[in-house]
Amino acid sequence: MSNWGRYGCPVHMERGACSNGIKLRRIDVEREVLAGLQREILNDDVIQFAMGEFEKQLRERIRSARSDGERKRQRRDVLRVEI
């Protein structure tokens, strides 16, 4: 990742129709965005919520797979009798 990229108002840079000439280094903006995401997302409440949702969905999929497996075993037994 190069350090020379910059973020700024494209209208100012391309047409000069905007007075906002501020340019920020890409690496600085990305560092701040990532730091904000870490602060907001990687906290105990969010992690606990995500883990709870994961466990809930995993239990549902396991239950569904067991149910599907049972249906297939029953179908197998019916087919064996028919054969």
Protein backbone atom coordinates (compact mmCIF):
# COMPACT_ATOMS: atom_id res chain seq x y z
CA MET A 1 0.00 0.00 0.00
CA SER A 2 1.56 3.29 -1.03
CA ASN A 3 1.50 6.38 1.16
CA TRP A 4 1.01 8.89 -1.63
CA GLY A 5 -2.76 8.45 -2.12
CA ARG A 6 -4.94 11.27 -0.88
CA TYR A 7 -8.63 11.83 -0.24
CA GLY A 8 -10.21 15.15 -1.10
CA CYS A 9 -13.14 16.79 -2.78
CA PRO A 10 -13.20 15.68 -6.43
CA VAL A 11 -15.21 18.75 -7.46
CA HIS A 12 -12.46 20.98 -6.07
CA MET A 13 -9.66 18.94 -7.64
CA GLU A 14 -11.27 18.41 -11.06
CA ARG A 15 -13.23 21.62 -11.65
CA GLY A 16 -12.29 24.04 -8.89
CA ALA A 17 -16.03 24.59 -8.28
CA CYS A 18 -15.75 23.83 -4.56
CA SER A 19 -13.77 25.82 -2.02
CA ASN A 20 -12.89 22.71 0.00
CA GLY A 21 -9.25 22.17 -0.85
CA ILE A 22 -8.52 19.91 2.11
CA LYS A 23 -6.61 16.76 1.20
CA LEU A 24 -5.93 13.98 3.65
CA ARG A 25 -3.36 11.25 3.24
CA ARG A 26 -5.01 7.94 2.46
CA ILE A 27 -2.98 6.08 5.05
CA ASP A 28 -4.08 8.51 7.79
CA VAL A 29 -7.77 8.23 6.85
CA GLU A 30 -7.62 4.45 6.66
CA ARG A 31 -5.81 4.26 10.00
CA GLU A 32 -8.55 6.36 11.64
CA VAL A 33 -11.33 4.33 10.03
CA LEU A 34 -9.79 1.07 11.22
CA ALA A 35 -9.23 2.46 14.71
CA GLY A 36 -12.88 3.54 14.86
CA LEU A 37 -14.06 0.14 13.72
CA GLN A 38 -11.93 -1.53 16.35
CA ARG A 39 -13.32 0.77 19.06
CA GLU A 40 -16.94 0.24 18.00
CA ILE A 41 -16.93 -3.39 16.91
CA LEU A 42 -14.24 -5.09 18.94
CA ASN A 43 -15.77 -4.47 22.34
CA ASP A 44 -17.14 -7.05 24.75
CA ASP A 45 -20.83 -6.28 24.17
CA VAL A 46 -20.62 -6.63 20.40
CA ILE A 47 -18.46 -9.75 20.62
CA GLN A 48 -20.84 -11.37 23.12
CA PHE A 49 -23.83 -10.53 20.91
CA ALA A 50 -22.10 -11.94 17.81
CA MET A 51 -21.09 -15.12 19.63
CA GLY A 52 -24.64 -15.56 20.97
CA GLU A 53 -26.09 -15.19 17.48
CA PHE A 54 -23.51 -17.60 16.09
CA GLU A 55 -24.34 -20.20 18.74
CA LYS A 56 -28.07 -19.79 18.15
CA GLN A 57 -27.74 -20.25 14.40
CA LEU A 58 -25.33 -23.17 14.84
CA ARG A 59 -27.80 -24.95 17.17
CA GLU A 60 -30.58 -24.40 14.63
CA ARG A 61 -28.49 -25.82 11.80
CA ILE A 62 -27.51 -28.84 13.88
CA ARG A 63 -31.17 -29.43 14.76
CA SER A 64 -32.13 -29.08 11.11
CA ALA A 65 -29.37 -31.46 9.98
CA ARG A 66 -30.48 -34.06 12.54
CA SER A 67 -34.07 -33.73 11.41
CA ASP A 68 -33.04 -34.04 7.76
CA GLY A 69 -30.90 -37.07 8.60
CA GLU A 70 -33.83 -38.71 10.34
CA ARG A 71 -36.10 -38.09 7.33
CA LYS A 72 -33.50 -39.64 5.05
CA ARG A 73 -33.17 -42.71 7.30
CA GLN A 74 -36.93 -43.14 7.27
CA ARG A 75 -37.00 -42.82 3.48
CA ARG A 76 -34.17 -45.36 3.23
CA ASP A 77 -36.13 -47.80 5.38
CA VAL A 78 -39.25 -47.36 3.22
CA LEU A 79 -37.21 -47.95 0.06
CA ARG A 80 -35.65 -51.08 1.54
CA VAL A 81 -39.08 -52.49 2.30
CA GLU A 82 -40.25 -51.65 -1.22
CA ILE A 83 -37.23 -53.32 -2.78
